[in-house]
N, C-alpha and C. Protein backbone atom coordinates (compact mmCIF):
# COMPACT_ATOMS: atom_id res chain seq x y z
N MET A 1 0.58 1.80 -9.08
CA MET A 1 0.10 1.69 -7.72
C MET A 1 0.98 0.90 -6.87
N ASP A 2 1.63 -0.18 -7.40
CA ASP A 2 2.52 -1.01 -6.59
C ASP A 2 3.73 -0.18 -6.06
N ALA A 3 4.28 0.73 -6.95
CA ALA A 3 5.36 1.59 -6.61
C ALA A 3 4.90 2.51 -5.50
N ALA A 4 3.78 3.08 -5.48
CA ALA A 4 3.29 3.95 -4.34
C ALA A 4 3.17 3.14 -3.06
N ILE A 5 2.62 1.99 -3.08
CA ILE A 5 2.48 1.18 -1.95
C ILE A 5 3.79 0.87 -1.30
N LYS A 6 4.75 0.47 -2.16
CA LYS A 6 6.12 0.15 -1.73
C LYS A 6 6.78 1.43 -1.04
N ALA A 7 6.60 2.62 -1.74
CA ALA A 7 7.15 3.80 -1.21
C ALA A 7 6.67 4.22 0.15
N VAL A 8 5.35 4.07 0.27
CA VAL A 8 4.73 4.37 1.61
C VAL A 8 5.19 3.42 2.66
N ARG A 9 5.18 2.10 2.38
CA ARG A 9 5.63 1.08 3.35
C ARG A 9 7.09 1.23 3.69
N ALA A 10 7.92 1.67 2.75
CA ALA A 10 9.34 1.82 3.13
C ALA A 10 9.66 3.21 3.79
N GLY A 11 8.64 4.10 3.80
CA GLY A 11 8.83 5.32 4.44
C GLY A 11 9.36 6.41 3.51
N PHE A 12 9.47 6.14 2.20
CA PHE A 12 9.95 7.18 1.25
C PHE A 12 8.91 8.12 0.85
N ALA A 13 7.62 7.89 1.14
CA ALA A 13 6.48 8.83 0.81
C ALA A 13 5.38 8.65 1.92
N SER A 14 4.57 9.60 2.05
CA SER A 14 3.48 9.54 3.02
C SER A 14 2.27 9.07 2.29
N ARG A 15 1.35 8.45 2.95
CA ARG A 15 0.12 8.12 2.37
C ARG A 15 -0.68 9.33 1.91
N SER A 16 -0.57 10.42 2.66
CA SER A 16 -1.26 11.67 2.30
C SER A 16 -0.74 12.12 0.96
N ASP A 17 0.60 12.19 0.80
CA ASP A 17 1.23 12.61 -0.52
C ASP A 17 0.67 11.77 -1.66
N VAL A 18 0.65 10.52 -1.52
CA VAL A 18 0.19 9.57 -2.65
C VAL A 18 -1.18 9.83 -2.94
N VAL A 19 -2.06 10.04 -1.90
CA VAL A 19 -3.42 10.38 -2.19
C VAL A 19 -3.56 11.74 -2.75
N ALA A 20 -2.86 12.73 -2.39
CA ALA A 20 -2.93 14.07 -2.96
C ALA A 20 -2.52 14.01 -4.48
N GLU A 21 -1.45 13.11 -4.79
CA GLU A 21 -1.09 13.01 -6.16
C GLU A 21 -2.20 12.48 -7.03
N GLN A 22 -3.13 11.84 -6.48
CA GLN A 22 -4.17 11.26 -7.23
C GLN A 22 -5.46 12.22 -7.23
N GLY A 23 -5.15 13.51 -6.63
CA GLY A 23 -6.22 14.45 -6.65
C GLY A 23 -7.35 14.25 -5.56
N GLU A 24 -6.97 13.37 -4.59
CA GLU A 24 -7.94 13.10 -3.47
C GLU A 24 -7.52 13.73 -2.21
N ASP A 25 -8.45 13.81 -1.23
CA ASP A 25 -8.11 14.42 0.18
C ASP A 25 -7.97 13.23 1.10
N ALA A 26 -6.79 13.09 1.75
CA ALA A 26 -6.59 12.02 2.67
C ALA A 26 -7.58 12.02 3.85
N ALA A 27 -7.88 13.18 4.28
CA ALA A 27 -8.84 13.23 5.51
C ALA A 27 -10.17 12.70 5.11
N GLU A 28 -10.60 13.04 3.84
CA GLU A 28 -11.90 12.52 3.40
C GLU A 28 -11.90 10.95 3.26
N ILE A 29 -10.86 10.52 2.66
CA ILE A 29 -10.74 9.05 2.56
C ILE A 29 -10.72 8.35 3.98
N ASP A 30 -9.97 9.01 4.86
CA ASP A 30 -9.90 8.39 6.21
C ASP A 30 -11.30 8.38 6.88
N ALA A 31 -12.06 9.53 6.66
CA ALA A 31 -13.42 9.53 7.21
C ALA A 31 -14.32 8.50 6.56
N GLN A 32 -14.17 8.26 5.25
CA GLN A 32 -14.97 7.27 4.63
C GLN A 32 -14.64 5.89 5.10
N GLN A 33 -13.26 5.57 5.26
CA GLN A 33 -12.85 4.32 5.72
C GLN A 33 -13.37 4.03 7.20
N ALA A 34 -13.33 5.07 8.02
CA ALA A 34 -13.78 4.95 9.37
C ALA A 34 -15.30 4.65 9.37
N GLU A 35 -16.04 5.32 8.54
CA GLU A 35 -17.53 5.02 8.41
C GLU A 35 -17.75 3.58 7.99
N ASP A 36 -16.97 3.16 6.97
CA ASP A 36 -17.15 1.78 6.40
C ASP A 36 -16.79 0.76 7.46
N ALA A 37 -15.71 1.05 8.27
CA ALA A 37 -15.31 0.04 9.24
C ALA A 37 -16.39 -0.01 10.40
N ALA A 38 -16.90 1.13 10.70
CA ALA A 38 -17.94 1.12 11.81
C ALA A 38 -19.18 0.43 11.42
N ARG A 39 -19.59 0.70 10.11
CA ARG A 39 -20.68 -0.04 9.60
C ARG A 39 -20.52 -1.54 9.51
N ALA A 40 -19.37 -1.93 9.05
CA ALA A 40 -19.02 -3.36 8.88
C ALA A 40 -19.00 -4.03 10.32
N ASP A 41 -18.43 -3.28 11.24
CA ASP A 41 -18.38 -3.90 12.60
C ASP A 41 -19.74 -4.03 13.22
N ALA A 42 -20.68 -3.02 13.00
CA ALA A 42 -21.98 -3.07 13.49
C ALA A 42 -22.75 -4.27 12.92
N LEU A 43 -22.48 -4.55 11.65
CA LEU A 43 -23.14 -5.64 10.95
C LEU A 43 -22.47 -6.98 11.04
N GLY A 44 -21.38 -7.01 11.73
CA GLY A 44 -20.61 -8.23 11.95
C GLY A 44 -19.93 -8.74 10.62
N LEU A 45 -19.66 -7.76 9.74
CA LEU A 45 -18.99 -8.10 8.47
C LEU A 45 -17.49 -8.00 8.64
N LYS A 46 -16.77 -8.98 7.98
CA LYS A 46 -15.34 -8.99 7.97
C LYS A 46 -14.79 -9.07 6.55
N TYR A 47 -13.92 -8.22 6.22
CA TYR A 47 -13.34 -8.20 4.86
C TYR A 47 -11.88 -8.44 4.88
N ASP A 48 -11.29 -9.17 3.94
CA ASP A 48 -9.85 -9.40 3.92
C ASP A 48 -9.10 -8.08 3.65
N SER A 49 -9.79 -7.06 3.21
CA SER A 49 -9.16 -5.79 2.91
C SER A 49 -8.95 -4.93 4.19
N ASP A 50 -9.48 -5.42 5.25
CA ASP A 50 -9.42 -4.68 6.52
C ASP A 50 -8.14 -4.92 7.28
N ALA A 51 -7.29 -3.88 7.20
CA ALA A 51 -5.94 -4.01 7.82
C ALA A 51 -5.96 -4.14 9.33
N ARG A 52 -7.16 -3.81 9.92
CA ARG A 52 -7.29 -3.88 11.42
C ARG A 52 -7.40 -5.36 11.80
N ARG A 53 -7.64 -6.19 10.84
CA ARG A 53 -7.86 -7.64 11.10
C ARG A 53 -6.56 -8.46 10.86
N GLY A 54 -5.47 -7.72 10.31
CA GLY A 54 -4.24 -8.37 10.12
C GLY A 54 -4.26 -9.30 8.89
N ALA A 55 -5.17 -8.95 7.93
CA ALA A 55 -5.19 -9.78 6.72
C ALA A 55 -4.20 -9.34 5.73
N SER A 56 -4.51 -9.48 4.46
CA SER A 56 -3.49 -9.32 3.40
C SER A 56 -2.88 -7.97 3.34
N GLY A 57 -3.67 -6.95 3.72
CA GLY A 57 -3.20 -5.58 3.51
C GLY A 57 -2.48 -5.08 4.69
N GLY A 58 -1.70 -3.91 4.71
CA GLY A 58 -1.08 -3.34 5.81
C GLY A 58 0.23 -3.90 6.21
N GLY A 59 0.83 -4.73 5.34
CA GLY A 59 2.15 -5.27 5.67
C GLY A 59 2.21 -6.23 6.77
N GLY A 60 1.14 -6.85 7.07
CA GLY A 60 1.12 -7.84 8.11
C GLY A 60 1.77 -9.11 7.75
N SER A 61 1.65 -10.09 8.61
CA SER A 61 2.25 -11.40 8.37
C SER A 61 1.62 -12.08 7.25
N SER A 62 2.47 -12.90 6.48
CA SER A 62 1.89 -13.63 5.39
C SER A 62 1.27 -14.93 5.79
N ALA A 63 1.38 -15.28 7.09
CA ALA A 63 0.80 -16.48 7.65
C ALA A 63 -0.68 -16.29 7.75
N PRO A 64 -1.45 -17.43 7.48
CA PRO A 64 -2.91 -17.25 7.51
C PRO A 64 -3.45 -17.04 8.89
N ALA A 65 -4.42 -16.19 9.04
CA ALA A 65 -5.05 -15.95 10.33
C ALA A 65 -5.88 -17.16 10.72
N VAL A 66 -5.98 -17.47 11.95
CA VAL A 66 -6.78 -18.60 12.40
C VAL A 66 -7.94 -18.10 13.08
N GLN A 67 -9.10 -18.79 13.10
CA GLN A 67 -10.34 -18.40 13.69
C GLN A 67 -10.29 -18.62 15.20
N ASP A 68 -10.57 -17.56 15.97
CA ASP A 68 -10.51 -17.72 17.49
C ASP A 68 -11.87 -18.41 17.89
N PRO A 69 -11.81 -19.59 18.51
CA PRO A 69 -13.14 -20.27 18.91
C PRO A 69 -13.84 -19.49 19.90
N GLU A 70 -13.21 -18.69 20.68
CA GLU A 70 -13.96 -17.86 21.76
C GLU A 70 -14.90 -16.87 21.28
N ASP A 71 -14.44 -15.99 20.30
CA ASP A 71 -15.30 -14.95 19.80
C ASP A 71 -15.46 -14.91 18.28
N GLY A 72 -14.83 -15.81 17.59
CA GLY A 72 -15.02 -15.92 16.17
C GLY A 72 -14.14 -14.95 15.40
N ASP A 73 -13.42 -14.04 16.10
CA ASP A 73 -12.54 -13.09 15.29
C ASP A 73 -11.28 -13.86 14.91
N ALA A 74 -10.67 -13.23 13.87
CA ALA A 74 -9.46 -13.79 13.39
C ALA A 74 -8.45 -13.54 14.48
N ALA A 75 -7.72 -14.55 14.91
CA ALA A 75 -6.75 -14.47 15.91
C ALA A 75 -5.40 -14.15 15.23
N ALA A 76 -4.26 -14.22 15.99
CA ALA A 76 -3.00 -14.05 15.43
C ALA A 76 -2.70 -15.12 14.44
N PRO A 77 -1.79 -14.81 13.52
CA PRO A 77 -1.35 -15.93 12.50
C PRO A 77 -0.95 -17.12 13.21
N ALA A 78 -1.22 -18.26 12.63
CA ALA A 78 -0.84 -19.55 13.23
C ALA A 78 0.72 -19.67 13.12
N PRO A 79 1.30 -20.18 14.21
CA PRO A 79 2.73 -20.28 14.25
C PRO A 79 3.21 -21.33 13.22
N ALA A 80 4.41 -21.12 12.71
CA ALA A 80 5.00 -22.06 11.79
C ALA A 80 5.20 -23.36 12.48
N PRO A 81 4.95 -24.47 11.79
CA PRO A 81 5.16 -25.81 12.43
C PRO A 81 6.61 -25.95 12.90
N ALA A 82 6.78 -26.63 14.02
CA ALA A 82 8.11 -26.85 14.55
C ALA A 82 8.82 -28.00 13.73
N LEU A 83 10.13 -27.93 13.65
CA LEU A 83 10.83 -28.99 12.95
C LEU A 83 10.92 -30.25 13.86
N VAL A 84 10.49 -31.33 13.35
CA VAL A 84 10.37 -32.54 14.12
C VAL A 84 11.51 -33.48 13.75
N GLN A 85 12.23 -33.89 14.64
CA GLN A 85 13.32 -34.85 14.36
C GLN A 85 12.95 -36.20 14.90
N PHE A 86 12.99 -37.25 14.02
CA PHE A 86 12.59 -38.57 14.37
C PHE A 86 13.84 -39.33 14.86
N ARG A 87 13.64 -40.32 15.70
CA ARG A 87 14.68 -41.23 16.12
C ARG A 87 15.41 -41.76 14.91
N GLY A 88 16.74 -41.77 15.05
CA GLY A 88 17.57 -42.30 13.97
C GLY A 88 17.85 -41.34 12.86
N SER A 89 17.27 -40.15 12.92
CA SER A 89 17.58 -39.15 11.93
C SER A 89 18.71 -38.27 12.52
N LYS A 90 19.45 -37.65 11.63
CA LYS A 90 20.55 -36.88 12.05
C LYS A 90 20.21 -35.40 11.83
């Protein structure tokens, strides 16, 4: 499975081809995922497997998402801390 994920992310294979190799229908999987996402949204559920949220899946940033205090949704990944130089250091 890791090889298939890498091939799709690198553009060497399509997601539809990988799904077909497993004997499944990509359009059916897409419809199921859309239904799952709509149901989760309606219920206010958030999963780390939801690539729309920029979490671990989908090749997003490896930086952790931070909670947006305005609406509670995961915001953009937190920026890397700046390098701080103290007086007397070189």
